[in-house]
């Protein structure tokens, strides 16, 4: 077992206070957007082994069978297939999608063949893996996730009362769902001069008026203020506002457009850095490639709640790269046995917990995490909330 030393990513959309408040540390005055826990080569967690501090990816590479177990090694190769994060958003993230496995492999091979360096800022496919992800709210969490139904989107555009939007609303009402969403979304990524400014003014004005769409419009006004003049605002208008209460979750599969807006949550994903963006960001935008990946369907993204069994509440996800669960520990409650066989990361988000193995206990509090290799069978005790990340069943 190893108490992890983790990297905080200072992305500009991050909260200055949320992660320090959870972890009991002093704010630095700079945004602290994500705390990474895992073995992703861009920012691997550090562990202590034989009086040395080593990155977790190197520890796994040195003995992948012992660290990952035979089943994980056979399915995913010599790498930890998931990445766990604490995510603290205080401003909108980019409108983005993630590829499926075939798209990721093809895109990565294509950019390799073109000689694009792996760490180049303009590189789109940084690895050959897909990136399904799940976010679990720790506070009230807002995001834009998945397309609205075309007619609902047309009604929203009409409510803004911008004459230049009327042809787009007409297209949304006239064509079949997939074609309507594709035609308007594509057009919005290359808008005519002046449209973003006109929509920005209209959104701000509409958000100030009472009405049934006020919460949605307030979200789009937040986007407009955070990214003035960005055509990503128009793309965002086509996405549903989803609000998660603490404990609720969203799973986002390939091709689903989304942009988180605000809140603190636990995020887990396949260990990949493949993100295709079309706006609301200072990072690389590849709208043309995004259009080949996005899925033009208005099926709502369901809000998930965990399913409890033997004191462990599991968040259902249709992938085997990761499995995420939650323990609500009580000081007078039973110890929870966590069987060996797969690598695990345990993250405390409140209270205090202890992981016990033959070598002795490791205690950890809010914002701290423990890596458990596949060879270790441990028990979990304490008083607080602990998330458990491991590999899903095949």
Protein backbone atom coordinates (compact mmCIF):
# COMPACT_ATOMS: atom_id res chain seq x y z
CA UNK A 1 0.00 0.00 0.00
CA UNK A 2 1.14 3.51 -0.72
CA UNK A 3 -0.10 6.92 0.39
CA UNK A 4 -0.12 8.86 -2.88
CA UNK A 5 1.53 12.21 -3.56
CA UNK A 6 -0.62 13.77 -6.27
CA UNK A 7 -0.37 16.63 -8.75
CA UNK A 8 -2.79 19.55 -8.80
CA UNK A 9 -3.53 20.89 -12.29
CA UNK A 10 -3.86 24.72 -12.28
CA UNK A 11 -6.20 25.06 -15.28
CA UNK A 12 -7.73 28.52 -15.61
CA UNK A 13 -11.31 27.29 -15.06
CA UNK A 14 -10.47 25.84 -11.66
CA UNK A 15 -11.65 27.04 -8.27
CA UNK A 16 -9.19 28.92 -6.05
CA UNK A 17 -10.76 27.62 -2.84
CA UNK A 18 -12.68 24.34 -3.32
CA UNK A 19 -9.79 21.86 -3.27
CA UNK A 20 -7.89 23.65 -0.46
CA UNK A 21 -11.10 23.71 1.60
CA UNK A 22 -11.62 19.97 1.15
CA UNK A 23 -7.98 19.09 1.79
CA UNK A 24 -7.48 21.52 4.67
CA UNK A 25 -4.66 23.40 2.94
CA UNK A 26 -4.08 27.11 2.41
CA UNK A 27 -5.19 28.53 -0.97
CA UNK A 28 -2.34 29.62 -3.20
CA UNK A 29 -4.34 32.36 -4.90
CA UNK A 30 -4.17 30.40 -8.17
CA UNK A 31 -6.86 28.13 -9.66
CA UNK A 32 -6.68 24.51 -8.52
CA UNK A 33 -8.77 22.62 -11.07
CA UNK A 34 -7.95 18.91 -10.82
CA UNK A 35 -6.12 16.59 -8.44
CA UNK A 36 -4.86 13.59 -10.44
CA UNK A 37 -4.59 10.14 -8.84
CA UNK A 38 -3.15 7.38 -10.97
CA UNK A 39 -0.35 6.52 -13.35
CA UNK A 40 -1.10 8.73 -16.35
CA UNK A 41 2.32 9.69 -17.81
CA UNK A 42 1.38 13.39 -17.98
CA UNK A 43 1.20 13.62 -14.16
CA UNK A 44 1.67 10.26 -12.40
CA UNK A 45 1.15 10.03 -8.66
CA UNK A 46 4.28 9.49 -6.59
CA UNK A 47 4.78 6.64 -4.12
CA UNK A 48 7.45 5.69 -1.59
CA UNK A 49 9.21 2.38 -2.29
CA UNK A 50 12.42 1.27 -0.56
CA UNK A 51 13.05 4.79 0.79
CA UNK A 52 12.71 6.28 -2.67
CA UNK A 53 9.95 8.44 -4.15
CA UNK A 54 8.96 7.04 -7.54
CA UNK A 55 6.25 7.82 -10.10
CA UNK A 56 3.51 5.21 -10.08
CA UNK A 57 3.80 4.49 -13.80
CA UNK A 58 7.44 3.45 -13.30
CA UNK A 59 6.52 1.27 -10.32
CA UNK A 60 3.90 -0.52 -12.43
CA UNK A 61 6.27 -0.89 -15.38
CA UNK A 62 8.86 -2.55 -13.12
CA UNK A 63 6.49 -5.37 -12.06
CA UNK A 64 3.15 -5.13 -13.90
CA UNK A 65 1.94 -8.58 -12.83
CA UNK A 66 2.29 -7.85 -9.12
CA UNK A 67 0.92 -4.32 -9.37
CA UNK A 68 -1.99 -4.92 -11.77
CA UNK A 69 -2.83 -8.61 -11.47
CA UNK A 70 -3.06 -11.13 -14.28
CA UNK A 71 -6.58 -10.20 -15.43
CA UNK A 72 -5.88 -6.47 -15.72
CA UNK A 73 -2.53 -7.10 -17.39
CA UNK A 74 -4.13 -9.42 -19.92
CA UNK A 75 -6.97 -7.00 -20.79
CA UNK A 76 -5.15 -3.66 -20.75
CA UNK A 77 -1.44 -4.34 -20.98
CA UNK A 78 1.16 -3.04 -18.49
CA UNK A 79 -0.66 0.17 -17.52
CA UNK A 80 -3.23 1.28 -14.95
CA UNK A 81 -6.36 1.61 -17.12
CA UNK A 82 -8.14 4.29 -15.07
CA UNK A 83 -7.43 7.79 -13.77
CA UNK A 84 -9.16 9.18 -10.68
CA UNK A 85 -9.54 12.92 -10.09
CA UNK A 86 -10.99 15.53 -7.81
CA UNK A 87 -12.42 18.18 -10.14
CA UNK A 88 -13.22 21.73 -8.94
CA UNK A 89 -14.80 23.96 -11.60
CA UNK A 90 -15.44 27.65 -11.01
CA UNK A 91 -15.86 28.56 -14.70
CA UNK A 92 -17.06 26.68 -17.80
CA UNK A 93 -14.83 24.02 -19.33
CA UNK A 94 -14.52 23.59 -23.09
CA UNK A 95 -17.28 22.08 -25.22
CA UNK A 96 -15.73 18.70 -25.93
CA UNK A 97 -16.22 15.07 -26.93
CA UNK A 98 -14.15 11.91 -26.57
CA UNK A 99 -13.54 9.21 -29.21
CA UNK A 100 -14.50 5.56 -29.11
CA UNK A 101 -11.70 2.93 -29.15
CA UNK A 102 -11.58 2.57 -32.95
CA UNK A 103 -11.54 6.33 -33.49
CA UNK A 104 -8.78 6.76 -30.90
CA UNK A 105 -6.59 4.09 -32.49
CA UNK A 106 -7.09 5.45 -36.00
CA UNK A 107 -6.56 9.07 -35.01
CA UNK A 108 -3.44 8.30 -33.01
CA UNK A 109 -1.94 6.25 -35.86
CA UNK A 110 -2.76 8.99 -38.37
CA UNK A 111 -1.04 11.73 -36.36
CA UNK A 112 1.94 9.45 -35.73
CA UNK A 113 2.23 8.86 -39.50
CA UNK A 114 2.13 12.62 -40.06
CA UNK A 115 5.01 13.08 -37.61
CA UNK A 116 3.07 15.18 -35.09
CA UNK A 117 5.07 15.08 -31.82
CA UNK A 118 3.19 13.38 -28.96
CA UNK A 119 3.39 16.51 -26.78
CA UNK A 120 2.69 19.06 -29.54
CA UNK A 121 0.04 21.65 -28.51
CA UNK A 122 -1.82 21.06 -31.78
CA UNK A 123 -1.93 17.28 -31.37
CA UNK A 124 -5.51 15.92 -31.05
CA UNK A 125 -4.95 12.20 -30.33
CA UNK A 126 -2.25 11.94 -27.67
CA UNK A 127 -2.72 8.20 -27.16
CA UNK A 128 -4.57 5.27 -28.73
CA UNK A 129 -7.23 4.86 -26.01
CA UNK A 130 -10.84 5.89 -25.57
CA UNK A 131 -11.88 8.16 -22.69
CA UNK A 132 -15.25 7.30 -21.16
CA UNK A 133 -15.72 9.18 -17.91
CA UNK A 134 -17.98 9.58 -14.90
CA UNK A 135 -18.44 12.55 -12.58
CA UNK A 136 -19.94 12.19 -9.07
CA UNK A 137 -21.04 15.44 -7.43
CA UNK A 138 -19.67 16.32 -3.99
CA UNK A 139 -21.41 19.72 -4.10
CA UNK A 140 -24.19 20.93 -6.39
CA UNK A 141 -22.68 20.42 -9.83
CA UNK A 142 -23.81 21.95 -13.14
CA UNK A 143 -22.92 20.85 -16.64
CA UNK A 144 -24.08 20.94 -20.23
CA UNK A 145 -24.37 17.33 -21.40
CA UNK A 146 -25.82 15.96 -24.63
CA UNK A 147 -28.00 17.57 -27.28
CA UNK A 148 -31.44 18.96 -26.63
CA UNK A 149 -34.21 17.59 -28.83
CA UNK A 150 -34.25 19.67 -32.05
CA UNK A 151 -37.64 21.23 -31.35
CA UNK A 152 -36.65 22.15 -27.79
CA UNK A 153 -33.49 23.72 -29.17
CA UNK A 154 -35.53 25.65 -31.76
CA UNK A 155 -37.86 26.94 -29.03
CA UNK A 156 -34.85 28.17 -27.05
CA UNK A 157 -33.43 29.98 -30.08
CA UNK A 158 -36.79 31.62 -30.73
CA UNK A 159 -36.97 32.77 -27.10
CA UNK A 160 -33.77 34.77 -27.63
CA UNK A 161 -35.54 36.80 -30.35
CA UNK A 162 -32.45 37.23 -32.54
CA UNK A 163 -33.56 37.49 -36.18
CA UNK A 164 -30.38 35.81 -37.46
CA UNK A 165 -31.24 32.68 -35.44
CA UNK A 166 -34.59 32.09 -37.14
CA UNK A 167 -33.21 30.09 -40.11
CA UNK A 168 -31.42 27.75 -37.69
CA UNK A 169 -34.63 27.25 -35.71
CA UNK A 170 -36.41 26.46 -38.97
CA UNK A 171 -33.82 23.82 -39.85
CA UNK A 172 -34.18 22.23 -36.42
CA UNK A 173 -37.93 21.91 -36.91
CA UNK A 174 -37.87 20.78 -40.54
CA UNK A 175 -35.30 17.99 -40.69
CA UNK A 176 -34.95 14.57 -39.04
CA UNK A 177 -33.21 14.65 -35.66
CA UNK A 178 -29.66 13.60 -36.60
CA UNK A 179 -29.52 15.75 -39.73
CA UNK A 180 -31.06 18.78 -37.99
CA UNK A 181 -28.57 18.61 -35.09
CA UNK A 182 -25.62 18.01 -37.42
CA UNK A 183 -26.50 20.84 -39.83
CA UNK A 184 -27.06 23.47 -37.15
CA UNK A 185 -24.18 22.40 -34.90
CA UNK A 186 -21.79 22.48 -37.87
CA UNK A 187 -23.03 25.90 -38.93
CA UNK A 188 -22.70 27.26 -35.38
CA UNK A 189 -19.01 26.37 -35.33
CA UNK A 190 -18.46 28.78 -38.26
CA UNK A 191 -20.98 31.52 -37.49
CA UNK A 192 -21.50 34.65 -39.60
CA UNK A 193 -19.93 37.88 -38.38
CA UNK A 194 -21.84 39.48 -35.54
CA UNK A 195 -23.96 36.47 -34.56
CA UNK A 196 -22.02 35.58 -31.39
CA UNK A 197 -22.21 39.18 -30.18
CA UNK A 198 -25.95 39.40 -30.87
CA UNK A 199 -26.61 36.11 -29.09
CA UNK A 200 -24.48 37.18 -26.13
CA UNK A 201 -26.57 40.31 -25.63
CA UNK A 202 -29.80 38.36 -26.04
CA UNK A 203 -28.77 35.65 -23.57
CA UNK A 204 -27.79 38.23 -20.95
CA UNK A 205 -31.10 40.06 -21.35
CA UNK A 206 -33.20 36.89 -21.34
CA UNK A 207 -31.42 35.51 -18.26
CA UNK A 208 -32.45 38.62 -16.32
CA UNK A 209 -36.15 38.07 -17.01
CA UNK A 210 -38.35 35.65 -15.00
CA UNK A 211 -39.60 32.63 -16.85
CA UNK A 212 -39.39 28.82 -17.14
CA UNK A 213 -36.05 28.94 -19.02
CA UNK A 214 -34.32 31.29 -16.60
CA UNK A 215 -32.00 28.66 -15.07
CA UNK A 216 -30.91 27.43 -18.50
CA UNK A 217 -30.39 30.95 -19.79
CA UNK A 218 -28.40 31.89 -16.68
CA UNK A 219 -26.04 28.99 -17.47
CA UNK A 220 -25.53 30.22 -21.04
CA UNK A 221 -24.98 33.76 -19.76
CA UNK A 222 -22.22 32.38 -17.52
CA UNK A 223 -20.65 30.77 -20.59
CA UNK A 224 -20.87 34.05 -22.54
CA UNK A 225 -19.23 36.07 -19.77
CA UNK A 226 -16.43 33.53 -19.29
CA UNK A 227 -15.60 33.33 -23.02
CA UNK A 228 -16.61 36.60 -24.72
CA UNK A 229 -16.87 36.33 -28.50
CA UNK A 230 -16.30 32.56 -28.55
CA UNK A 231 -18.49 30.65 -31.05
CA UNK A 232 -18.57 27.84 -28.52
CA UNK A 233 -21.47 29.77 -26.96
CA UNK A 234 -23.65 28.84 -29.93
CA UNK A 235 -22.69 25.17 -29.64
CA UNK A 236 -23.46 25.33 -25.91
CA UNK A 237 -27.00 26.55 -26.63
CA UNK A 238 -27.74 23.17 -28.20
CA UNK A 239 -26.76 21.21 -25.06
CA UNK A 240 -28.96 20.28 -22.11
CA UNK A 241 -28.34 21.80 -18.70
CA UNK A 242 -27.90 19.03 -16.11
CA UNK A 243 -27.75 19.79 -12.37
CA UNK A 244 -26.42 17.10 -10.03
CA UNK A 245 -27.06 17.11 -6.31
CA UNK A 246 -24.36 15.65 -4.01
CA UNK A 247 -24.03 11.90 -4.57
CA UNK A 248 -25.56 11.94 -8.06
CA UNK A 249 -23.48 11.12 -11.13
CA UNK A 250 -23.24 11.28 -14.91
CA UNK A 251 -21.57 8.77 -17.19
CA UNK A 252 -20.35 10.17 -20.52
CA UNK A 253 -19.55 7.74 -23.30
CA UNK A 254 -17.94 8.45 -26.67
CA UNK A 255 -19.26 11.22 -28.90
CA UNK A 256 -21.43 12.93 -26.25
CA UNK A 257 -20.78 16.71 -26.32
CA UNK A 258 -20.43 18.24 -22.87
CA UNK A 259 -19.04 21.17 -20.91
CA UNK A 260 -18.91 21.21 -17.11
CA UNK A 261 -19.83 24.59 -15.62
CA UNK A 262 -19.33 24.61 -11.85
CA UNK A 263 -19.02 22.44 -8.78
CA UNK A 264 -16.78 19.96 -6.98
CA UNK A 265 -16.82 16.29 -7.86
CA UNK A 266 -15.00 12.97 -8.01
CA UNK A 267 -14.21 12.08 -11.63
CA UNK A 268 -13.03 8.76 -12.99
CA UNK A 269 -12.12 7.95 -16.57
CA UNK A 270 -10.19 5.61 -18.75
CA UNK A 271 -6.55 6.69 -18.59
CA UNK A 272 -6.42 8.76 -21.75
CA UNK A 273 -5.84 12.36 -22.78
CA UNK A 274 -7.91 12.31 -25.99
CA UNK A 275 -10.13 15.40 -25.91
CA UNK A 276 -11.63 17.01 -29.02
CA UNK A 277 -12.68 20.61 -28.40
CA UNK A 278 -14.72 23.06 -30.44
CA UNK A 279 -14.78 26.15 -28.22
CA UNK A 280 -14.72 27.79 -24.78
CA UNK A 281 -11.02 27.11 -24.31
CA UNK A 282 -7.53 28.46 -24.83
CA UNK A 283 -6.35 24.92 -25.70
CA UNK A 284 -6.21 23.34 -29.15
CA UNK A 285 -9.53 23.40 -31.02
CA UNK A 286 -10.11 20.79 -33.73
CA UNK A 287 -13.70 21.38 -34.83
CA UNK A 288 -13.31 19.41 -38.06
CA UNK A 289 -12.20 16.24 -36.27
CA UNK A 290 -14.77 16.75 -33.52
CA UNK A 291 -17.52 16.67 -36.14
CA UNK A 292 -16.39 13.17 -37.18
CA UNK A 293 -16.62 11.93 -33.58
CA UNK A 294 -19.72 13.63 -32.13
CA UNK A 295 -22.93 11.59 -32.06
CA UNK A 296 -25.92 13.60 -33.24
CA UNK A 297 -28.61 12.16 -31.02
CA UNK A 298 -30.85 13.87 -28.47
CA UNK A 299 -31.06 10.93 -26.07
CA UNK A 300 -30.83 12.45 -22.55
CA UNK A 301 -27.82 11.59 -20.40
CA UNK A 302 -29.34 9.87 -17.34
CA UNK A 303 -28.53 10.98 -13.82
CA UNK A 304 -27.14 8.01 -11.89
CA UNK A 305 -27.37 7.04 -8.24
CA UNK A 306 -25.26 4.32 -6.60
CA UNK A 307 -26.50 0.80 -5.94
CA UNK A 308 -25.68 -0.51 -2.49
CA UNK A 309 -24.37 -3.97 -1.61
CA UNK A 310 -22.54 -5.12 1.52
CA UNK A 311 -21.88 -1.53 2.60
CA UNK A 312 -20.42 -0.58 -0.79
CA UNK A 313 -22.44 1.66 -3.16
CA UNK A 314 -21.46 1.13 -6.80
CA UNK A 315 -22.00 3.68 -9.58
CA UNK A 316 -23.00 1.69 -12.69
CA UNK A 317 -20.85 2.22 -15.79
CA UNK A 318 -20.97 0.23 -19.07
CA UNK A 319 -17.18 -0.08 -19.40
CA UNK A 320 -14.51 -2.30 -17.85
CA UNK A 321 -11.70 0.28 -17.73
CA UNK A 322 -12.94 1.40 -14.32
CA UNK A 323 -15.38 0.72 -11.50
CA UNK A 324 -16.25 3.44 -8.98
CA UNK A 325 -17.91 2.88 -5.62
CA UNK A 326 -18.44 4.67 -2.33
CA UNK A 327 -18.27 3.65 1.33
CA UNK A 328 -20.02 5.56 4.12
CA UNK A 329 -17.89 4.44 7.06
CA UNK A 330 -18.96 4.60 10.70
CA UNK A 331 -16.67 4.41 13.69
CA UNK A 332 -18.86 1.66 15.17
CA UNK A 333 -19.36 -0.07 11.82
CA UNK A 334 -17.74 -3.25 10.50
CA UNK A 335 -14.40 -3.33 8.71
CA UNK A 336 -14.80 -3.61 4.95
CA UNK A 337 -12.69 -6.33 3.35
CA UNK A 338 -11.33 -5.40 -0.09
CA UNK A 339 -10.17 -8.53 -1.88
CA UNK A 340 -6.90 -8.76 -3.79
CA UNK A 341 -6.72 -9.33 -7.55
CA UNK A 342 -7.02 -5.83 -9.06
CA UNK A 343 -5.27 -2.50 -8.46
CA UNK A 344 -7.24 0.01 -6.37
CA UNK A 345 -7.12 3.67 -5.40
CA UNK A 346 -9.01 4.74 -2.27
CA UNK A 347 -9.88 8.43 -1.89
CA UNK A 348 -11.22 10.00 1.31
CA UNK A 349 -13.49 13.03 0.81
CA UNK A 350 -14.57 13.62 4.42
CA UNK A 351 -13.77 12.29 7.88
CA UNK A 352 -10.87 9.88 8.28
CA UNK A 353 -10.20 6.35 7.11
CA UNK A 354 -7.63 3.61 7.66
CA UNK A 355 -6.48 0.91 5.25
CA UNK A 356 -5.04 -2.09 7.04
CA UNK A 357 -2.86 -4.85 5.59
CA UNK A 358 -0.20 -7.23 6.84
CA UNK A 359 2.40 -4.46 6.80
CA UNK A 360 0.27 -2.26 9.05
CA UNK A 361 -2.29 0.56 8.68
CA UNK A 362 -2.25 3.66 6.50
CA UNK A 363 -4.48 6.49 7.74
CA UNK A 364 -5.73 9.22 5.42
CA UNK A 365 -8.12 12.16 5.53
CA UNK A 366 -9.97 14.41 3.07
CA UNK A 367 -8.25 14.78 -0.28
CA UNK A 368 -5.70 12.05 0.49
CA UNK A 369 -5.60 8.76 -1.37
CA UNK A 370 -4.01 5.32 -1.10
CA UNK A 371 -2.87 3.00 -3.89
CA UNK A 372 -3.38 -0.73 -3.26
CA UNK A 373 -1.63 -3.12 -5.67
CA UNK A 374 -3.35 -6.24 -6.94
CA UNK A 375 -1.40 -8.50 -4.58
CA UNK A 376 -2.70 -6.81 -1.40
CA UNK A 377 -5.84 -7.81 0.47
CA UNK A 378 -6.83 -4.97 2.81
CA UNK A 379 -9.57 -3.88 5.19
CA UNK A 380 -11.10 -0.41 5.31
CA UNK A 381 -12.30 1.23 8.53
CA UNK A 382 -12.96 4.74 9.80
CA UNK A 383 -15.62 7.41 10.03
CA UNK A 384 -16.20 9.26 6.79
CA UNK A 385 -16.72 8.83 3.05
CA UNK A 386 -14.28 6.94 0.88
CA UNK A 387 -14.44 6.39 -2.88
CA UNK A 388 -12.95 3.21 -4.30
CA UNK A 389 -11.62 3.14 -7.87
CA UNK A 390 -10.64 -0.14 -9.44
CA UNK A 391 -10.97 -2.09 -12.69
CA UNK A 392 -14.41 -3.16 -13.90
CA UNK A 393 -15.46 -6.67 -14.74
CA UNK A 394 -14.89 -7.86 -18.29
